[in-house]
Amino acid sequence: MSATASISSSFEIPVVIAANGTYNITVGRTARITGIRVYNGAGTPNISVLKNGSANVSLGGLVPTATNAWLDLPLDGANTALTATDFLRIFTANASTTAVVITCIGNPAQALTVT
């Protein structure tokens, strides 16, 4: 019988959006994105999150949001691993998308001893 265990730090990147447009964020460390939540204050704008400006992190590219509600974006698992030089691009065409919270876990994790 064998088992492995590891410990890693999780962190959030909160982004407050005041106007429509494109926003680039450099994480500056290796990590894996485990979730993206979006809050929309009004209307139903579309939003996308891209890795290095072209690879969809939010599954399906532009995702419609709901009014006055948080939405968990579906992730494209092939594009959730980040290196220290990667950047994330958030695009929204409507200023009512007021907050994006990107949840990450540090990578690589530190191995633990299992007995």
PDB file of N, CA and C in Angstrom:
ATOM      1  N   MET A   1       0.846  -1.164   0.000  1.00  0.00           N
ATOM      2  CA  MET A   1       0.000   0.000   0.000  1.00  0.00           C
ATOM      3  C   MET A   1       0.895   1.232   0.000  1.00  0.00           C
ATOM      4  N   SER A   2       0.611   2.196  -0.865  1.00  0.00           N
ATOM      5  CA  SER A   2       1.409   3.414  -0.898  1.00  0.00           C
ATOM      6  C   SER A   2       0.485   4.630  -0.949  1.00  0.00           C
ATOM      7  N   ALA A   3       1.031   5.731  -0.494  1.00  0.00           N
ATOM      8  CA  ALA A   3       0.269   6.975  -0.498  1.00  0.00           C
ATOM      9  C   ALA A   3       1.234   8.137  -0.641  1.00  0.00           C
ATOM     10  N   THR A   4       0.753   9.217  -1.198  1.00  0.00           N
ATOM     11  CA  THR A   4       1.535  10.450  -1.287  1.00  0.00           C
ATOM     12  C   THR A   4       0.693  11.583  -0.736  1.00  0.00           C
ATOM     13  N   ALA A   5       1.370  12.594  -0.234  1.00  0.00           N
ATOM     14  CA  ALA A   5       0.684  13.782   0.274  1.00  0.00           C
ATOM     15  C   ALA A   5       1.566  14.988   0.008  1.00  0.00           C
ATOM     16  N   SER A   6       0.955  16.125  -0.117  1.00  0.00           N
ATOM     17  CA  SER A   6       1.715  17.355  -0.339  1.00  0.00           C
ATOM     18  C   SER A   6       0.978  18.520   0.297  1.00  0.00           C
ATOM     19  N   ILE A   7       1.697  19.597   0.480  1.00  0.00           N
ATOM     20  CA  ILE A   7       1.101  20.798   1.035  1.00  0.00           C
ATOM     21  C   ILE A   7       1.449  21.950   0.098  1.00  0.00           C
ATOM     22  N   SER A   8       0.504  22.824  -0.100  1.00  0.00           N
ATOM     23  CA  SER A   8       0.719  23.949  -0.998  1.00  0.00           C
ATOM     24  C   SER A   8      -0.079  25.128  -0.497  1.00  0.00           C
ATOM     25  N   SER A   9       0.345  26.302  -0.876  1.00  0.00           N
ATOM     26  CA  SER A   9      -0.383  27.503  -0.463  1.00  0.00           C
ATOM     27  C   SER A   9      -1.393  27.894  -1.524  1.00  0.00           C
ATOM     28  N   SER A  10      -2.568  28.281  -1.080  1.00  0.00           N
ATOM     29  CA  SER A  10      -3.555  28.814  -2.011  1.00  0.00           C
ATOM     30  C   SER A  10      -3.610  30.322  -1.825  1.00  0.00           C
ATOM     31  N   PHE A  11      -3.983  31.015  -2.879  1.00  0.00           N
ATOM     32  CA  PHE A  11      -4.094  32.466  -2.820  1.00  0.00           C
ATOM     33  C   PHE A  11      -5.134  32.944  -3.812  1.00  0.00           C
ATOM     34  N   GLU A  12      -5.630  34.138  -3.576  1.00  0.00           N
ATOM     35  CA  GLU A  12      -6.622  34.737  -4.471  1.00  0.00           C
ATOM     36  C   GLU A  12      -6.060  36.010  -5.073  1.00  0.00           C
ATOM     37  N   ILE A  13      -6.484  36.272  -6.294  1.00  0.00           N
ATOM     38  CA  ILE A  13      -6.152  37.516  -6.988  1.00  0.00           C
ATOM     39  C   ILE A  13      -7.471  38.247  -7.218  1.00  0.00           C
ATOM     40  N   PRO A  14      -7.809  39.214  -6.349  1.00  0.00           N
ATOM     41  CA  PRO A  14      -9.040  39.977  -6.572  1.00  0.00           C
ATOM     42  C   PRO A  14      -8.772  41.126  -7.546  1.00  0.00           C
ATOM     43  N   VAL A  15      -9.652  41.282  -8.513  1.00  0.00           N
ATOM     44  CA  VAL A  15      -9.516  42.351  -9.511  1.00  0.00           C
ATOM     45  C   VAL A  15     -10.805  43.158  -9.491  1.00  0.00           C
ATOM     46  N   VAL A  16     -10.687  44.470  -9.251  1.00  0.00           N
ATOM     47  CA  VAL A  16     -11.844  45.353  -9.276  1.00  0.00           C
ATOM     48  C   VAL A  16     -11.823  46.095 -10.608  1.00  0.00           C
ATOM     49  N   ILE A  17     -12.906  45.996 -11.345  1.00  0.00           N
ATOM     50  CA  ILE A  17     -12.984  46.579 -12.685  1.00  0.00           C
ATOM     51  C   ILE A  17     -13.887  47.799 -12.646  1.00  0.00           C
ATOM     52  N   ALA A  18     -13.363  48.928 -13.091  1.00  0.00           N
ATOM     53  CA  ALA A  18     -14.127  50.170 -13.072  1.00  0.00           C
ATOM     54  C   ALA A  18     -14.651  50.560 -14.450  1.00  0.00           C
ATOM     55  N   ALA A  19     -14.154  49.927 -15.498  1.00  0.00           N
ATOM     56  CA  ALA A  19     -14.585  50.277 -16.855  1.00  0.00           C
ATOM     57  C   ALA A  19     -14.387  49.069 -17.759  1.00  0.00           C
ATOM     58  N   ASN A  20     -15.099  49.059 -18.881  1.00  0.00           N
ATOM     59  CA  ASN A  20     -14.906  47.965 -19.834  1.00  0.00           C
ATOM     60  C   ASN A  20     -13.500  48.056 -20.409  1.00  0.00           C
ATOM     61  N   GLY A  21     -12.986  46.920 -20.871  1.00  0.00           N
ATOM     62  CA  GLY A  21     -11.663  46.922 -21.466  1.00  0.00           C
ATOM     63  C   GLY A  21     -10.928  45.620 -21.264  1.00  0.00           C
ATOM     64  N   THR A  22      -9.617  45.691 -21.476  1.00  0.00           N
ATOM     65  CA  THR A  22      -8.735  44.546 -21.354  1.00  0.00           C
ATOM     66  C   THR A  22      -7.746  44.824 -20.240  1.00  0.00           C
ATOM     67  N   TYR A  23      -7.571  43.851 -19.350  1.00  0.00           N
ATOM     68  CA  TYR A  23      -6.690  43.997 -18.195  1.00  0.00           C
ATOM     69  C   TYR A  23      -5.723  42.821 -18.154  1.00  0.00           C
ATOM     70  N   ASN A  24      -4.420  43.104 -18.068  1.00  0.00           N
ATOM     71  CA  ASN A  24      -3.395  42.067 -17.998  1.00  0.00           C
ATOM     72  C   ASN A  24      -2.843  41.977 -16.585  1.00  0.00           C
ATOM     73  N   ILE A  25      -2.697  40.762 -16.075  1.00  0.00           N
ATOM     74  CA  ILE A  25      -2.187  40.513 -14.730  1.00  0.00           C
ATOM     75  C   ILE A  25      -1.057  39.497 -14.827  1.00  0.00           C
ATOM     76  N   THR A  26       0.118  39.859 -14.322  1.00  0.00           N
ATOM     77  CA  THR A  26       1.232  38.925 -14.241  1.00  0.00           C
ATOM     78  C   THR A  26       1.280  38.376 -12.830  1.00  0.00           C
ATOM     79  N   VAL A  27       1.164  37.067 -12.692  1.00  0.00           N
ATOM     80  CA  VAL A  27       1.148  36.431 -11.378  1.00  0.00           C
ATOM     81  C   VAL A  27       2.554  36.406 -10.778  1.00  0.00           C
ATOM     82  N   GLY A  28       3.567  36.185 -11.579  1.00  0.00           N
ATOM     83  CA  GLY A  28       4.946  36.245 -11.120  1.00  0.00           C
ATOM     84  C   GLY A  28       5.449  35.023 -10.382  1.00  0.00           C
ATOM     85  N   ARG A  29       4.704  33.930 -10.405  1.00  0.00           N
ATOM     86  CA  ARG A  29       5.137  32.680  -9.773  1.00  0.00           C
ATOM     87  C   ARG A  29       4.425  31.518 -10.436  1.00  0.00           C
ATOM     88  N   THR A  30       4.946  30.329 -10.246  1.00  0.00           N
ATOM     89  CA  THR A  30       4.259  29.167 -10.790  1.00  0.00           C
ATOM     90  C   THR A  30       3.035  28.870  -9.930  1.00  0.00           C
ATOM     91  N   ALA A  31       1.958  28.553 -10.588  1.00  0.00           N
ATOM     92  CA  ALA A  31       0.702  28.296  -9.883  1.00  0.00           C
ATOM     93  C   ALA A  31      -0.239  27.546 -10.809  1.00  0.00           C
ATOM     94  N   ARG A  32      -1.330  27.083 -10.227  1.00  0.00           N
ATOM     95  CA  ARG A  32      -2.402  26.465 -11.011  1.00  0.00           C
ATOM     96  C   ARG A  32      -3.700  27.155 -10.621  1.00  0.00           C
ATOM     97  N   ILE A  33      -4.458  27.588 -11.599  1.00  0.00           N
ATOM     98  CA  ILE A  33      -5.750  28.236 -11.342  1.00  0.00           C
ATOM     99  C   ILE A  33      -6.764  27.156 -10.984  1.00  0.00           C
ATOM    100  N   THR A  34      -7.438  27.349  -9.846  1.00  0.00           N
ATOM    101  CA  THR A  34      -8.434  26.369  -9.412  1.00  0.00           C
ATOM    102  C   THR A  34      -9.854  26.920  -9.480  1.00  0.00           C
ATOM    103  N   GLY A  35      -9.996  28.214  -9.705  1.00  0.00           N
ATOM    104  CA  GLY A  35     -11.333  28.779  -9.812  1.00  0.00           C
ATOM    105  C   GLY A  35     -11.299  30.238 -10.236  1.00  0.00           C
ATOM    106  N   ILE A  36     -12.359  30.656 -10.904  1.00  0.00           N
ATOM    107  CA  ILE A  36     -12.542  32.064 -11.273  1.00  0.00           C
ATOM    108  C   ILE A  36     -13.995  32.416 -10.989  1.00  0.00           C
ATOM    109  N   ARG A  37     -14.197  33.436 -10.151  1.00  0.00           N
ATOM    110  CA  ARG A  37     -15.545  33.927  -9.842  1.00  0.00           C
ATOM    111  C   ARG A  37     -15.670  35.352 -10.374  1.00  0.00           C
ATOM    112  N   VAL A  38     -16.830  35.658 -10.921  1.00  0.00           N
ATOM    113  CA  VAL A  38     -17.082  36.971 -11.503  1.00  0.00           C
ATOM    114  C   VAL A  38     -18.355  37.541 -10.903  1.00  0.00           C
ATOM    115  N   TYR A  39     -18.314  38.827 -10.511  1.00  0.00           N
ATOM    116  CA  TYR A  39     -19.529  39.504 -10.050  1.00  0.00           C
ATOM    117  C   TYR A  39     -19.919  40.542 -11.082  1.00  0.00           C
ATOM    118  N   ASN A  40     -21.198  40.569 -11.393  1.00  0.00           N
ATOM    119  CA  ASN A  40     -21.737  41.487 -12.392  1.00  0.00           C
ATOM    120  C   ASN A  40     -22.790  42.359 -11.733  1.00  0.00           C
ATOM    121  N   GLY A  41     -22.581  43.674 -11.749  1.00  0.00           N
ATOM    122  CA  GLY A  41     -23.503  44.598 -11.102  1.00  0.00           C
ATOM    123  C   GLY A  41     -24.762  44.909 -11.885  1.00  0.00           C
ATOM    124  N   ALA A  42     -24.731  44.826 -13.205  1.00  0.00           N
ATOM    125  CA  ALA A  42     -25.913  45.156 -14.017  1.00  0.00           C
ATOM    126  C   ALA A  42     -25.726  44.622 -15.433  1.00  0.00           C
ATOM    127  N   GLY A  43     -26.806  44.416 -16.124  1.00  0.00           N
ATOM    128  CA  GLY A  43     -26.728  43.926 -17.495  1.00  0.00           C
ATOM    129  C   GLY A  43     -26.262  42.486 -17.541  1.00  0.00           C
ATOM    130  N   THR A  44     -25.954  42.009 -18.723  1.00  0.00           N
ATOM    131  CA  THR A  44     -25.454  40.641 -18.884  1.00  0.00           C
ATOM    132  C   THR A  44     -24.238  40.646 -19.805  1.00  0.00           C
ATOM    133  N   PRO A  45     -23.130  41.244 -19.371  1.00  0.00           N
ATOM    134  CA  PRO A  45     -21.957  41.297 -20.241  1.00  0.00           C
ATOM    135  C   PRO A  45     -21.248  39.956 -20.328  1.00  0.00           C
ATOM    136  N   ASN A  46     -20.486  39.799 -21.365  1.00  0.00           N
ATOM    137  CA  ASN A  46     -19.631  38.631 -21.513  1.00  0.00           C
ATOM    138  C   ASN A  46     -18.265  38.944 -20.937  1.00  0.00           C
ATOM    139  N   ILE A  47     -17.584  37.917 -20.443  1.00  0.00           N
ATOM    140  CA  ILE A  47     -16.240  38.083 -19.904  1.00  0.00           C
ATOM    141  C   ILE A  47     -15.401  36.889 -20.338  1.00  0.00           C
ATOM    142  N   SER A  48     -14.109  37.111 -20.537  1.00  0.00           N
ATOM    143  CA  SER A  48     -13.203  36.006 -20.824  1.00  0.00           C
ATOM    144  C   SER A  48     -11.918  36.201 -20.039  1.00  0.00           C
ATOM    145  N   VAL A  49     -11.282  35.081 -19.716  1.00  0.00           N
ATOM    146  CA  VAL A  49      -9.976  35.090 -19.067  1.00  0.00           C
ATOM    147  C   VAL A  49      -9.070  34.228 -19.926  1.00  0.00           C
ATOM    148  N   LEU A  50      -7.969  34.823 -20.381  1.00  0.00           N
ATOM    149  CA  LEU A  50      -7.038  34.143 -21.276  1.00  0.00           C
ATOM    150  C   LEU A  50      -5.661  34.040 -20.641  1.00  0.00           C
ATOM    151  N   LYS A  51      -4.959  32.966 -20.946  1.00  0.00           N
ATOM    152  CA  LYS A  51      -3.562  32.808 -20.527  1.00  0.00           C
ATOM    153  C   LYS A  51      -2.684  33.321 -21.656  1.00  0.00           C
ATOM    154  N   ASN A  52      -1.797  34.249 -21.323  1.00  0.00           N
ATOM    155  CA  ASN A  52      -0.875  34.854 -22.294  1.00  0.00           C
ATOM    156  C   ASN A  52      -1.600  35.478 -23.489  1.00  0.00           C
ATOM    157  N   GLY A  53      -2.817  35.940 -23.249  1.00  0.00           N
ATOM    158  CA  GLY A  53      -3.547  36.688 -24.258  1.00  0.00           C
ATOM    159  C   GLY A  53      -4.245  35.873 -25.326  1.00  0.00           C
ATOM    160  N   SER A  54      -4.077  34.530 -25.318  1.00  0.00           N
ATOM    161  CA  SER A  54      -4.693  33.775 -26.404  1.00  0.00           C
ATOM    162  C   SER A  54      -5.312  32.445 -25.996  1.00  0.00           C
ATOM    163  N   ALA A  55      -4.836  31.789 -24.946  1.00  0.00           N
ATOM    164  CA  ALA A  55      -5.356  30.468 -24.564  1.00  0.00           C
ATOM    165  C   ALA A  55      -6.476  30.636 -23.541  1.00  0.00           C
ATOM    166  N   ASN A  56      -7.647  30.090 -23.834  1.00  0.00           N
ATOM    167  CA  ASN A  56      -8.796  30.229 -22.939  1.00  0.00           C
ATOM    168  C   ASN A  56      -8.548  29.550 -21.595  1.00  0.00           C
ATOM    169  N   VAL A  57      -8.648  30.330 -20.515  1.00  0.00           N
ATOM    170  CA  VAL A  57      -8.680  29.752 -19.173  1.00  0.00           C
ATOM    171  C   VAL A  57     -10.136  29.520 -18.807  1.00  0.00           C
ATOM    172  N   SER A  58     -11.000  30.480 -19.148  1.00  0.00           N
ATOM    173  CA  SER A  58     -12.442  30.284 -18.987  1.00  0.00           C
ATOM    174  C   SER A  58     -12.916  29.467 -20.188  1.00  0.00           C
ATOM    175  N   LEU A  59     -13.508  28.325 -19.922  1.00  0.00           N
ATOM    176  CA  LEU A  59     -13.906  27.390 -20.964  1.00  0.00           C
ATOM    177  C   LEU A  59     -14.875  28.039 -21.937  1.00  0.00           C
ATOM    178  N   GLY A  60     -14.578  27.941 -23.205  1.00  0.00           N
ATOM    179  CA  GLY A  60     -15.476  28.457 -24.226  1.00  0.00           C
ATOM    180  C   GLY A  60     -15.271  29.917 -24.571  1.00  0.00           C
ATOM    181  N   GLY A  61     -14.236  30.543 -24.052  1.00  0.00           N
ATOM    182  CA  GLY A  61     -13.971  31.938 -24.396  1.00  0.00           C
ATOM    183  C   GLY A  61     -14.883  32.885 -23.655  1.00  0.00           C
ATOM    184  N   LEU A  62     -15.625  33.720 -24.390  1.00  0.00           N
ATOM    185  CA  LEU A  62     -16.526  34.690 -23.769  1.00  0.00           C
ATOM    186  C   LEU A  62     -17.677  33.979 -23.070  1.00  0.00           C
ATOM    187  N   VAL A  63     -17.859  34.274 -21.790  1.00  0.00           N
ATOM    188  CA  VAL A  63     -18.902  33.630 -20.988  1.00  0.00           C
ATOM    189  C   VAL A  63     -19.898  34.696 -20.537  1.00  0.00           C
ATOM    190  N   PRO A  64     -21.201  34.505 -20.754  1.00  0.00           N
ATOM    191  CA  PRO A  64     -22.184  35.484 -20.281  1.00  0.00           C
ATOM    192  C   PRO A  64     -22.333  35.421 -18.764  1.00  0.00           C
ATOM    193  N   THR A  65     -22.499  36.581 -18.144  1.00  0.00           N
ATOM    194  CA  THR A  65     -22.677  36.649 -16.695  1.00  0.00           C
ATOM    195  C   THR A  65     -24.126  36.970 -16.357  1.00  0.00           C
ATOM    196  N   ALA A  66     -24.494  36.819 -15.092  1.00  0.00           N
ATOM    197  CA  ALA A  66     -25.853  37.108 -14.634  1.00  0.00           C
ATOM    198  C   ALA A  66     -25.858  38.427 -13.871  1.00  0.00           C
ATOM    199  N   THR A  67     -26.983  39.104 -13.828  1.00  0.00           N
ATOM    200  CA  THR A  67     -27.097  40.394 -13.162  1.00  0.00           C
ATOM    201  C   THR A  67     -27.132  40.231 -11.648  1.00  0.00           C
ATOM    202  N   ASN A  68     -26.369  41.091 -10.939  1.00  0.00           N
ATOM    203  CA  ASN A  68     -26.326  41.116  -9.472  1.00  0.00           C
ATOM    204  C   ASN A  68     -26.071  39.736  -8.868  1.00  0.00           C
ATOM    205  N   ALA A  69     -25.107  39.028  -9.439  1.00  0.00           N
ATOM    206  CA  ALA A  69     -24.830  37.679  -8.951  1.00  0.00           C
ATOM    207  C   ALA A  69     -23.378  37.313  -9.212  1.00  0.00           C
ATOM    208  N   TRP A  70     -22.866  36.398  -8.373  1.00  0.00           N
ATOM    209  CA  TRP A  70     -21.553  35.804  -8.606  1.00  0.00           C
ATOM    210  C   TRP A  70     -21.719  34.623  -9.548  1.00  0.00           C
ATOM    211  N   LEU A  71     -20.748  34.420 -10.404  1.00  0.00           N
ATOM    212  CA  LEU A  71     -20.751  33.302 -11.339  1.00  0.00           C
ATOM    213  C   LEU A  71     -19.390  32.622 -11.288  1.00  0.00           C
ATOM    214  N   ASP A  72     -19.376  31.305 -11.106  1.00  0.00           N
ATOM    215  CA  ASP A  72     -18.145  30.525 -11.207  1.00  0.00           C
ATOM    216  C   ASP A  72     -17.943  30.177 -12.677  1.00  0.00           C
ATOM    217  N   LEU A  73     -16.843  30.645 -13.252  1.00  0.00           N
ATOM    218  CA  LEU A  73     -16.586  30.352 -14.654  1.00  0.00           C
ATOM    219  C   LEU A  73     -16.083  28.919 -14.809  1.00  0.00           C
ATOM    220  N   PRO A  74     -16.554  28.203 -15.824  1.00  0.00           N
ATOM    221  CA  PRO A  74     -15.997  26.877 -16.093  1.00  0.00           C
ATOM    222  C   PRO A  74     -14.567  27.045 -16.610  1.00  0.00           C
ATOM    223  N   LEU A  75     -13.665  26.169 -16.182  1.00  0.00           N
ATOM    224  CA  LEU A  75     -12.257  26.286 -16.549  1.00  0.00           C
ATOM    225  C   LEU A  75     -11.875  25.313 -17.650  1.00  0.00           C
ATOM    226  N   ASP A  76     -10.959  25.743 -18.507  1.00  0.00           N
ATOM    227  CA  ASP A  76     -10.339  24.863 -19.489  1.00  0.00           C
ATOM    228  C   ASP A  76      -9.089  24.301 -18.828  1.00  0.00           C
ATOM    229  N   GLY A  77      -9.155  23.066 -18.351  1.00  0.00           N
ATOM    230  CA  GLY A  77      -8.074  22.465 -17.580  1.00  0.00           C
ATOM    231  C   GLY A  77      -6.727  22.449 -18.283  1.00  0.00           C
ATOM    232  N   ALA A  78      -6.714  22.515 -19.598  1.00  0.00           N
ATOM    233  CA  ALA A  78      -5.453  22.496 -20.338  1.00  0.00           C
ATOM    234  C   ALA A  78      -4.673  23.795 -20.176  1.00  0.00           C
ATOM    235  N   ASN A  79      -5.330  24.860 -19.709  1.00  0.00           N
ATOM    236  CA  ASN A  79      -4.677  26.171 -19.650  1.00  0.00           C
ATOM    237  C   ASN A  79      -4.639  26.773 -18.254  1.00  0.00           C
ATOM    238  N   THR A  80      -4.719  25.947 -17.223  1.00  0.00           N
ATOM    239  CA  THR A  80      -4.758  26.487 -15.862  1.00  0.00           C
ATOM    240  C   THR A  80      -3.394  26.522 -15.181  1.00  0.00           C
ATOM    241  N   ALA A  81      -2.371  25.875 -15.732  1.00  0.00           N
ATOM    242  CA  ALA A  81      -1.031  25.904 -15.147  1.00  0.00           C
ATOM    243  C   ALA A  81      -0.316  27.175 -15.595  1.00  0.00           C
ATOM    244  N   LEU A  82       0.266  27.888 -14.624  1.00  0.00           N
ATOM    245  CA  LEU A  82       0.961  29.141 -14.916  1.00  0.00           C
ATOM    246  C   LEU A  82       2.437  29.039 -14.557  1.00  0.00           C
ATOM    247  N   THR A  83       3.284  29.645 -15.368  1.00  0.00           N
ATOM    248  CA  THR A  83       4.693  29.815 -15.017  1.00  0.00           C
ATOM    249  C   THR A  83       4.868  31.236 -14.483  1.00  0.00           C
ATOM    250  N   ALA A  84       6.047  31.529 -13.984  1.00  0.00           N
ATOM    251  CA  ALA A  84       6.307  32.853 -13.413  1.00  0.00           C
ATOM    252  C   ALA A  84       6.229  33.964 -14.454  1.00  0.00           C
ATOM    253  N   THR A  85       6.363  33.641 -15.729  1.00  0.00           N
ATOM    254  CA  THR A  85       6.332  34.669 -16.769  1.00  0.00           C
ATOM    255  C   THR A  85       4.997  34.759 -17.504  1.00  0.00           C
ATOM    256  N   ASP A  86       4.075  33.853 -17.213  1.00  0.00           N
ATOM    257  CA  ASP A  86       2.755  33.908 -17.853  1.00  0.00           C
ATOM    258  C   ASP A  86       1.960  35.096 -17.333  1.00  0.00           C
ATOM    259  N   PHE A  87       1.010  35.555 -18.148  1.00  0.00           N
ATOM    260  CA  PHE A  87       0.088  36.581 -17.681  1.00  0.00           C
ATOM    261  C   PHE A  87      -1.340  36.175 -18.010  1.00  0.00           C
ATOM    262  N   LEU A  88      -2.269  36.728 -17.257  1.00  0.00           N
ATOM    263  CA  LEU A  88      -3.691  36.495 -17.492  1.00  0.00           C
ATOM    264  C   LEU A  88      -4.290  37.756 -18.091  1.00  0.00           C
ATOM    265  N   ARG A  89      -5.133  37.587 -19.089  1.00  0.00           N
ATOM    266  CA  ARG A  89      -5.826  38.720 -19.715  1.00  0.00           C
ATOM    267  C   ARG A  89      -7.314  38.570 -19.440  1.00  0.00           C
ATOM    268  N   ILE A  90      -7.881  39.581 -18.789  1.00  0.00           N
ATOM    269  CA  ILE A  90      -9.319  39.627 -18.534  1.00  0.00           C
ATOM    270  C   ILE A  90      -9.911  40.615 -19.528  1.00  0.00           C
ATOM    271  N   PHE A  91     -10.946  40.174 -20.229  1.00  0.00           N
ATOM    272  CA  PHE A  91     -11.629  41.064 -21.173  1.00  0.00           C
ATOM    273  C   PHE A  91     -13.103  41.132 -20.812  1.00  0.00           C
ATOM    274  N   THR A  92     -13.613  42.344 -20.698  1.00  0.00           N
ATOM    275  CA  THR A  92     -15.056  42.544 -20.532  1.00  0.00           C
ATOM    276  C   THR A  92     -15.482  43.729 -21.387  1.00  0.00           C
ATOM    277  N   ALA A  93     -16.625  43.600 -22.018  1.00  0.00           N
ATOM    278  CA  ALA A  93     -17.136  44.652 -22.884  1.00  0.00           C
ATOM    279  C   ALA A  93     -18.119  45.551 -22.156  1.00  0.00           C
ATOM    280  N   ASN A  94     -18.317  45.326 -20.853  1.00  0.00           N
ATOM    281  CA  ASN A  94     -19.311  46.086 -20.113  1.00  0.00           C
ATOM    282  C   ASN A  94     -18.768  46.406 -18.731  1.00  0.00           C
ATOM    283  N   ALA A  95     -18.830  47.667 -18.324  1.00  0.00           N
ATOM    284  CA  ALA A  95     -18.287  48.088 -17.033  1.00  0.00           C
ATOM    285  C   ALA A  95     -19.053  47.529 -15.843  1.00  0.00           C
ATOM    286  N   SER A  96     -20.204  46.916 -16.073  1.00  0.00           N
ATOM    287  CA  SER A  96     -20.971  46.397 -14.945  1.00  0.00           C
ATOM    288  C   SER A  96     -20.359  45.125 -14.356  1.00  0.00           C
ATOM    289  N   THR A  97     -19.417  44.503 -15.061  1.00  0.00           N
ATOM    290  CA  THR A  97     -18.664  43.409 -14.457  1.00  0.00           C
ATOM    291  C   THR A  97     -17.697  44.064 -13.488  1.00  0.00           C
ATOM    292  N   THR A  98     -17.987  44.005 -12.206  1.00  0.00           N
ATOM    293  CA  THR A  98     -17.252  44.839 -11.262  1.00  0.00           C
ATOM    294  C   THR A  98     -16.171  44.109 -10.486  1.00  0.00           C
ATOM    295  N   ALA A  99     -16.170  42.796 -10.449  1.00  0.00           N
ATOM    296  CA  ALA A  99     -15.151  42.082  -9.686  1.00  0.00           C
ATOM    297  C   ALA A  99     -14.873  40.718 -10.302  1.00  0.00           C
ATOM    298  N   VAL A 100     -13.597  40.359 -10.276  1.00  0.00           N
ATOM    299  CA  VAL A 100     -13.159  39.030 -10.689  1.00  0.00           C
ATOM    300  C   VAL A 100     -12.234  38.530  -9.588  1.00  0.00           C
ATOM    301  N   VAL A 101     -12.456  37.312  -9.105  1.00  0.00           N
ATOM    302  CA  VAL A 101     -11.586  36.712  -8.108  1.00  0.00           C
ATOM    303  C   VAL A 101     -11.026  35.425  -8.692  1.00  0.00           C
ATOM    304  N   ILE A 102      -9.701  35.403  -8.865  1.00  0.00           N
ATOM    305  CA  ILE A 102      -9.019  34.235  -9.422  1.00  0.00           C
ATOM    306  C   ILE A 102      -8.371  33.493  -8.257  1.00  0.00           C
ATOM    307  N   THR A 103      -8.738  32.236  -8.067  1.00  0.00           N
ATOM    308  CA  THR A 103      -8.174  31.421  -6.991  1.00  0.00           C
ATOM    309  C   THR A 103      -7.111  30.503  -7.578  1.00  0.00           C
ATOM    310  N   CYS A 104      -5.951  30.494  -6.920  1.00  0.00           N
ATOM    311  CA  CYS A 104      -4.820  29.691  -7.396  1.00  0.00           C
ATOM    312  C   CYS A 104      -4.250  28.868  -6.251  1.00  0.00           C
ATOM    313  N   ILE A 105      -3.483  27.864  -6.624  1.00  0.00           N
ATOM    314  CA  ILE A 105      -2.735  27.086  -5.652  1.00  0.00           C
ATOM    315  C   ILE A 105      -1.287  27.084  -6.131  1.00  0.00           C
ATOM    316  N   GLY A 106      -0.363  27.295  -5.188  1.00  0.00           N
ATOM    317  CA  GLY A 106       1.045  27.322  -5.534  1.00  0.00           C
ATOM    318  C   GLY A 106       1.489  25.990  -6.115  1.00  0.00           C
ATOM    319  N   ASN A 107       2.398  26.050  -7.055  1.00  0.00           N
ATOM    320  CA  ASN A 107       2.854  24.851  -7.725  1.00  0.00           C
ATOM    321  C   ASN A 107       4.337  25.011  -8.008  1.00  0.00           C
ATOM    322  N   PRO A 108       5.227  24.167  -7.661  1.00  0.00           N
ATOM    323  CA  PRO A 108       4.932  22.833  -7.152  1.00  0.00           C
ATOM    324  C   PRO A 108       4.651  22.846  -5.658  1.00  0.00           C
ATOM    325  N   ALA A 109       3.923  21.844  -5.241  1.00  0.00           N
ATOM    326  CA  ALA A 109       3.639  21.666  -3.814  1.00  0.00           C
ATOM    327  C   ALA A 109       4.836  20.982  -3.145  1.00  0.00           C
ATOM    328  N   GLN A 110       4.953  21.148  -1.861  1.00  0.00           N
ATOM    329  CA  GLN A 110       6.017  20.486  -1.116  1.00  0.00           C
ATOM    330  C   GLN A 110       5.552  19.098  -0.703  1.00  0.00           C
ATOM    331  N   ALA A 111       6.378  18.108  -0.948  1.00  0.00           N
ATOM    332  CA  ALA A 111       6.028  16.734  -0.616  1.00  0.00           C
ATOM    333  C   ALA A 111       6.090  16.524   0.898  1.00  0.00           C
ATOM    334  N   LEU A 112       5.173  15.738   1.410  1.00  0.00           N
ATOM    335  CA  LEU A 112       5.125  15.382   2.827  1.00  0.00           C
ATOM    336  C   LEU A 112       5.466  13.896   2.975  1.00  0.00           C
ATOM    337  N   THR A 113       5.909  13.511   4.159  1.00  0.00           N
ATOM    338  CA  THR A 113       6.196  12.116   4.448  1.00  0.00           C
ATOM    339  C   THR A 113       4.928  11.408   4.877  1.00  0.00           C
ATOM    340  N   VAL A 114       4.649  10.290   4.262  1.00  0.00           N
ATOM    341  CA  VAL A 114       3.476   9.493   4.609  1.00  0.00           C
ATOM    342  C   VAL A 114       3.991   8.166   5.152  1.00  0.00           C
ATOM    343  N   THR A 115       3.532   7.809   6.374  1.00  0.00           N
ATOM    344  CA  THR A 115       3.972   6.526   6.939  1.00  0.00           C
ATOM    345  C   THR A 115       2.779   5.650   7.251  1.00  0.00           C
TER     346      THR A 115
END
